[in-house]
Amino acid sequence: MSEHRDTILTRSAITVSYRLSYLTNFLVEPLYNEVSRQTGLARSEFVVLFCLNHLGVLTAQDVCEITGRPKNSISQAVTKLVNQALIEKQVDSSDARRAPLALTAAGQALYLQLIPLFVQREQAMLSVLTEREREQFEKLIGKLVLRTDNWAHTI
């Protein structure tokens, strides 16, 4: 089986894309399975907590734009998180259609409980790289994700 994996990872028409997908699958899928096992949270629910923790008050639309996650999964996540009192919907007096979201103390505590799992998993993935290679990798991946030409929204 390793031979097949090595072949597809080194000799496909989309080697870079497939490798990124492969890393993502092995990085995050075990994490989200563990988060679900420990807390019952789904991926989109953790993503909402993550965004609110790092960015403060956001709308569900903001979370969709930041993460690329589908609107329906974020909407469902928001509903569940509000029902569990992990986030709260606020009122926007200037626009009744907007529903700003914020972490509750319980949501913050849960996030702080879970984020070490993600940090440890990322460190394990990167452990094969030297310090210089990590810096280069972060610089290159940063260049890909922080670009402003809107390539991700076109096909």
C-alpha atoms as a PDB file:
ATOM      1  CA  MET A   1       0.000   0.000   0.000  1.00  0.00           C
ATOM      2  CA  SER A   2       2.858   2.369   0.778  1.00  0.00           C
ATOM      3  CA  GLU A   3       4.045   1.970  -2.807  1.00  0.00           C
ATOM      4  CA  HIS A   4       0.693   3.179  -4.153  1.00  0.00           C
ATOM      5  CA  ARG A   5       0.661   6.096  -1.721  1.00  0.00           C
ATOM      6  CA  ASP A   6       4.187   7.101  -2.713  1.00  0.00           C
ATOM      7  CA  THR A   7       3.325   6.895  -6.411  1.00  0.00           C
ATOM      8  CA  ILE A   8       0.255   9.104  -6.174  1.00  0.00           C
ATOM      9  CA  LEU A   9       2.115  11.577  -3.937  1.00  0.00           C
ATOM     10  CA  THR A  10       5.073  11.882  -6.318  1.00  0.00           C
ATOM     11  CA  ARG A  11       3.813  11.194  -9.840  1.00  0.00           C
ATOM     12  CA  SER A  12       0.371  12.616 -10.365  1.00  0.00           C
ATOM     13  CA  ALA A  13      -0.764  15.491 -12.554  1.00  0.00           C
ATOM     14  CA  ILE A  14      -1.641  17.463  -9.417  1.00  0.00           C
ATOM     15  CA  THR A  15       1.185  16.548  -7.048  1.00  0.00           C
ATOM     16  CA  VAL A  16       1.113  19.771  -5.004  1.00  0.00           C
ATOM     17  CA  SER A  17      -2.681  19.821  -4.654  1.00  0.00           C
ATOM     18  CA  TYR A  18      -2.842  16.165  -3.738  1.00  0.00           C
ATOM     19  CA  ARG A  19      -0.035  16.528  -1.199  1.00  0.00           C
ATOM     20  CA  LEU A  20      -1.781  19.476   0.460  1.00  0.00           C
ATOM     21  CA  SER A  21      -5.010  17.492   0.608  1.00  0.00           C
ATOM     22  CA  TYR A  22      -3.158  14.464   1.993  1.00  0.00           C
ATOM     23  CA  LEU A  23      -1.531  16.548   4.738  1.00  0.00           C
ATOM     24  CA  THR A  24      -4.837  18.193   5.586  1.00  0.00           C
ATOM     25  CA  ASN A  25      -6.608  14.844   5.831  1.00  0.00           C
ATOM     26  CA  PHE A  26      -4.014  13.419   8.199  1.00  0.00           C
ATOM     27  CA  LEU A  27      -3.655  16.656  10.156  1.00  0.00           C
ATOM     28  CA  VAL A  28      -7.244  17.647  10.828  1.00  0.00           C
ATOM     29  CA  GLU A  29      -9.452  14.570  10.444  1.00  0.00           C
ATOM     30  CA  PRO A  30      -8.028  12.800  13.527  1.00  0.00           C
ATOM     31  CA  LEU A  31      -8.309  16.076  15.433  1.00  0.00           C
ATOM     32  CA  TYR A  32     -11.942  16.674  14.577  1.00  0.00           C
ATOM     33  CA  ASN A  33     -12.738  13.048  15.401  1.00  0.00           C
ATOM     34  CA  GLU A  34     -11.113  13.516  18.827  1.00  0.00           C
ATOM     35  CA  VAL A  35     -12.868  16.847  19.395  1.00  0.00           C
ATOM     36  CA  SER A  36     -16.180  15.201  18.518  1.00  0.00           C
ATOM     37  CA  ARG A  37     -15.436  12.264  20.825  1.00  0.00           C
ATOM     38  CA  GLN A  38     -14.509  14.547  23.740  1.00  0.00           C
ATOM     39  CA  THR A  39     -17.096  17.296  23.328  1.00  0.00           C
ATOM     40  CA  GLY A  40     -19.627  16.398  20.642  1.00  0.00           C
ATOM     41  CA  LEU A  41     -18.533  19.411  18.568  1.00  0.00           C
ATOM     42  CA  ALA A  42     -18.420  19.061  14.789  1.00  0.00           C
ATOM     43  CA  ARG A  43     -15.744  20.652  12.615  1.00  0.00           C
ATOM     44  CA  SER A  44     -17.812  23.718  11.702  1.00  0.00           C
ATOM     45  CA  GLU A  45     -18.635  24.316  15.339  1.00  0.00           C
ATOM     46  CA  PHE A  46     -14.964  24.332  16.315  1.00  0.00           C
ATOM     47  CA  VAL A  47     -14.240  26.613  13.345  1.00  0.00           C
ATOM     48  CA  VAL A  48     -16.763  29.152  14.663  1.00  0.00           C
ATOM     49  CA  LEU A  49     -15.178  29.023  18.133  1.00  0.00           C
ATOM     50  CA  PHE A  50     -11.723  29.393  16.562  1.00  0.00           C
ATOM     51  CA  CYS A  51     -12.689  32.462  14.541  1.00  0.00           C
ATOM     52  CA  LEU A  52     -14.501  34.172  17.402  1.00  0.00           C
ATOM     53  CA  ASN A  53     -11.612  33.489  19.760  1.00  0.00           C
ATOM     54  CA  HIS A  54      -9.080  35.055  17.418  1.00  0.00           C
ATOM     55  CA  LEU A  55     -11.134  37.849  15.910  1.00  0.00           C
ATOM     56  CA  GLY A  56     -13.767  38.782  18.461  1.00  0.00           C
ATOM     57  CA  VAL A  57     -17.306  39.613  17.410  1.00  0.00           C
ATOM     58  CA  LEU A  58     -18.196  38.359  13.901  1.00  0.00           C
ATOM     59  CA  THR A  59     -21.294  37.421  11.945  1.00  0.00           C
ATOM     60  CA  ALA A  60     -21.884  33.947  10.525  1.00  0.00           C
ATOM     61  CA  GLN A  61     -21.304  35.482   7.079  1.00  0.00           C
ATOM     62  CA  ASP A  62     -17.905  36.733   8.273  1.00  0.00           C
ATOM     63  CA  VAL A  63     -16.996  33.218   9.408  1.00  0.00           C
ATOM     64  CA  CYS A  64     -17.999  31.814   6.000  1.00  0.00           C
ATOM     65  CA  GLU A  65     -15.868  34.383   4.186  1.00  0.00           C
ATOM     66  CA  ILE A  66     -12.866  33.852   6.477  1.00  0.00           C
ATOM     67  CA  THR A  67     -12.931  30.061   6.337  1.00  0.00           C
ATOM     68  CA  GLY A  68     -14.488  29.114   3.023  1.00  0.00           C
ATOM     69  CA  ARG A  69     -16.919  26.850   4.896  1.00  0.00           C
ATOM     70  CA  PRO A  70     -20.443  26.477   3.448  1.00  0.00           C
ATOM     71  CA  LYS A  71     -23.148  28.809   4.770  1.00  0.00           C
ATOM     72  CA  ASN A  72     -25.446  25.960   5.766  1.00  0.00           C
ATOM     73  CA  SER A  73     -22.819  24.231   7.910  1.00  0.00           C
ATOM     74  CA  ILE A  74     -21.862  27.493   9.648  1.00  0.00           C
ATOM     75  CA  SER A  75     -25.540  28.349  10.185  1.00  0.00           C
ATOM     76  CA  GLN A  76     -26.148  24.943  11.774  1.00  0.00           C
ATOM     77  CA  ALA A  77     -22.998  25.323  13.868  1.00  0.00           C
ATOM     78  CA  VAL A  78     -24.094  28.733  15.112  1.00  0.00           C
ATOM     79  CA  THR A  79     -27.518  27.400  16.091  1.00  0.00           C
ATOM     80  CA  LYS A  80     -25.980  24.511  18.027  1.00  0.00           C
ATOM     81  CA  LEU A  81     -23.376  26.710  19.725  1.00  0.00           C
ATOM     82  CA  VAL A  82     -26.027  29.262  20.762  1.00  0.00           C
ATOM     83  CA  ASN A  83     -28.222  26.458  22.136  1.00  0.00           C
ATOM     84  CA  GLN A  84     -25.240  25.150  24.143  1.00  0.00           C
ATOM     85  CA  ALA A  85     -24.476  28.670  25.423  1.00  0.00           C
ATOM     86  CA  LEU A  86     -20.983  28.546  23.914  1.00  0.00           C
ATOM     87  CA  ILE A  87     -21.641  31.651  21.817  1.00  0.00           C
ATOM     88  CA  GLU A  88     -24.252  34.366  21.957  1.00  0.00           C
ATOM     89  CA  LYS A  89     -26.064  36.258  19.247  1.00  0.00           C
ATOM     90  CA  GLN A  90     -26.060  39.971  19.760  1.00  0.00           C
ATOM     91  CA  VAL A  91     -28.361  42.620  18.325  1.00  0.00           C
ATOM     92  CA  ASP A  92     -27.109  45.050  15.695  1.00  0.00           C
ATOM     93  CA  SER A  93     -29.230  48.153  16.202  1.00  0.00           C
ATOM     94  CA  SER A  94     -28.171  49.587  12.837  1.00  0.00           C
ATOM     95  CA  ASP A  95     -29.079  46.462  10.815  1.00  0.00           C
ATOM     96  CA  ALA A  96     -31.628  43.961  12.112  1.00  0.00           C
ATOM     97  CA  ARG A  97     -30.522  41.394   9.519  1.00  0.00           C
ATOM     98  CA  ARG A  98     -27.052  41.184  11.046  1.00  0.00           C
ATOM     99  CA  ALA A  99     -26.532  38.962  14.075  1.00  0.00           C
ATOM    100  CA  PRO A 100     -23.098  39.558  15.580  1.00  0.00           C
ATOM    101  CA  LEU A 101     -21.733  36.513  17.404  1.00  0.00           C
ATOM    102  CA  ALA A 102     -19.484  36.424  20.440  1.00  0.00           C
ATOM    103  CA  LEU A 103     -17.908  33.726  22.580  1.00  0.00           C
ATOM    104  CA  THR A 104     -19.341  33.159  26.020  1.00  0.00           C
ATOM    105  CA  ALA A 105     -17.082  32.344  28.961  1.00  0.00           C
ATOM    106  CA  ALA A 106     -18.000  28.666  28.471  1.00  0.00           C
ATOM    107  CA  GLY A 107     -17.127  28.878  24.763  1.00  0.00           C
ATOM    108  CA  GLN A 108     -13.782  30.485  25.575  1.00  0.00           C
ATOM    109  CA  ALA A 109     -13.026  27.802  28.175  1.00  0.00           C
ATOM    110  CA  LEU A 110     -13.876  25.013  25.730  1.00  0.00           C
ATOM    111  CA  TYR A 111     -11.729  26.579  23.033  1.00  0.00           C
ATOM    112  CA  LEU A 112      -8.787  26.862  25.447  1.00  0.00           C
ATOM    113  CA  GLN A 113      -9.278  23.214  26.407  1.00  0.00           C
ATOM    114  CA  LEU A 114      -9.188  22.038  22.778  1.00  0.00           C
ATOM    115  CA  ILE A 115      -6.583  24.212  21.063  1.00  0.00           C
ATOM    116  CA  PRO A 116      -3.595  22.357  22.616  1.00  0.00           C
ATOM    117  CA  LEU A 117      -4.662  19.260  20.637  1.00  0.00           C
ATOM    118  CA  PHE A 118      -4.300  21.248  17.409  1.00  0.00           C
ATOM    119  CA  VAL A 119      -0.979  22.761  18.457  1.00  0.00           C
ATOM    120  CA  GLN A 120       0.439  19.332  19.345  1.00  0.00           C
ATOM    121  CA  ARG A 121      -0.773  17.804  16.069  1.00  0.00           C
ATOM    122  CA  GLU A 122       0.741  20.636  14.024  1.00  0.00           C
ATOM    123  CA  GLN A 123       4.030  20.308  15.891  1.00  0.00           C
ATOM    124  CA  ALA A 124       4.070  16.559  15.231  1.00  0.00           C
ATOM    125  CA  MET A 125       3.498  17.143  11.515  1.00  0.00           C
ATOM    126  CA  LEU A 126       6.256  19.762  11.309  1.00  0.00           C
ATOM    127  CA  SER A 127       8.730  17.887  13.511  1.00  0.00           C
ATOM    128  CA  VAL A 128      10.513  16.419  10.488  1.00  0.00           C
ATOM    129  CA  LEU A 129      11.525  19.929   9.350  1.00  0.00           C
ATOM    130  CA  THR A 130      14.524  21.882  10.572  1.00  0.00           C
ATOM    131  CA  GLU A 131      13.957  25.350  12.014  1.00  0.00           C
ATOM    132  CA  ARG A 132      15.053  26.907   8.714  1.00  0.00           C
ATOM    133  CA  GLU A 133      12.770  24.621   6.724  1.00  0.00           C
ATOM    134  CA  ARG A 134       9.836  25.514   8.999  1.00  0.00           C
ATOM    135  CA  GLU A 135      10.483  29.214   8.428  1.00  0.00           C
ATOM    136  CA  GLN A 136      10.650  28.644   4.652  1.00  0.00           C
ATOM    137  CA  PHE A 137       7.509  26.512   4.712  1.00  0.00           C
ATOM    138  CA  GLU A 138       5.586  29.127   6.723  1.00  0.00           C
ATOM    139  CA  LYS A 139       6.753  31.845   4.358  1.00  0.00           C
ATOM    140  CA  LEU A 140       5.731  29.889   1.247  1.00  0.00           C
ATOM    141  CA  ILE A 141       2.373  28.742   2.555  1.00  0.00           C
ATOM    142  CA  GLY A 142       1.751  32.277   3.769  1.00  0.00           C
ATOM    143  CA  LYS A 143       2.411  33.548   0.269  1.00  0.00           C
ATOM    144  CA  LEU A 144      -0.165  31.120  -1.112  1.00  0.00           C
ATOM    145  CA  VAL A 145      -2.924  31.832   1.403  1.00  0.00           C
ATOM    146  CA  LEU A 146      -2.462  35.574   1.835  1.00  0.00           C
ATOM    147  CA  ARG A 147      -2.538  36.458  -1.842  1.00  0.00           C
ATOM    148  CA  THR A 148      -5.056  39.079  -2.912  1.00  0.00           C
ATOM    149  CA  ASP A 149      -5.815  38.153  -6.522  1.00  0.00           C
ATOM    150  CA  ASN A 150      -9.027  36.263  -5.603  1.00  0.00           C
ATOM    151  CA  TRP A 151      -7.899  33.030  -7.312  1.00  0.00           C
ATOM    152  CA  ALA A 152      -9.738  30.898  -4.733  1.00  0.00           C
ATOM    153  CA  HIS A 153     -13.121  32.239  -5.846  1.00  0.00           C
ATOM    154  CA  THR A 154     -12.686  31.572  -9.539  1.00  0.00           C
ATOM    155  CA  ILE A 155     -12.747  28.387 -11.588  1.00  0.00           C
END
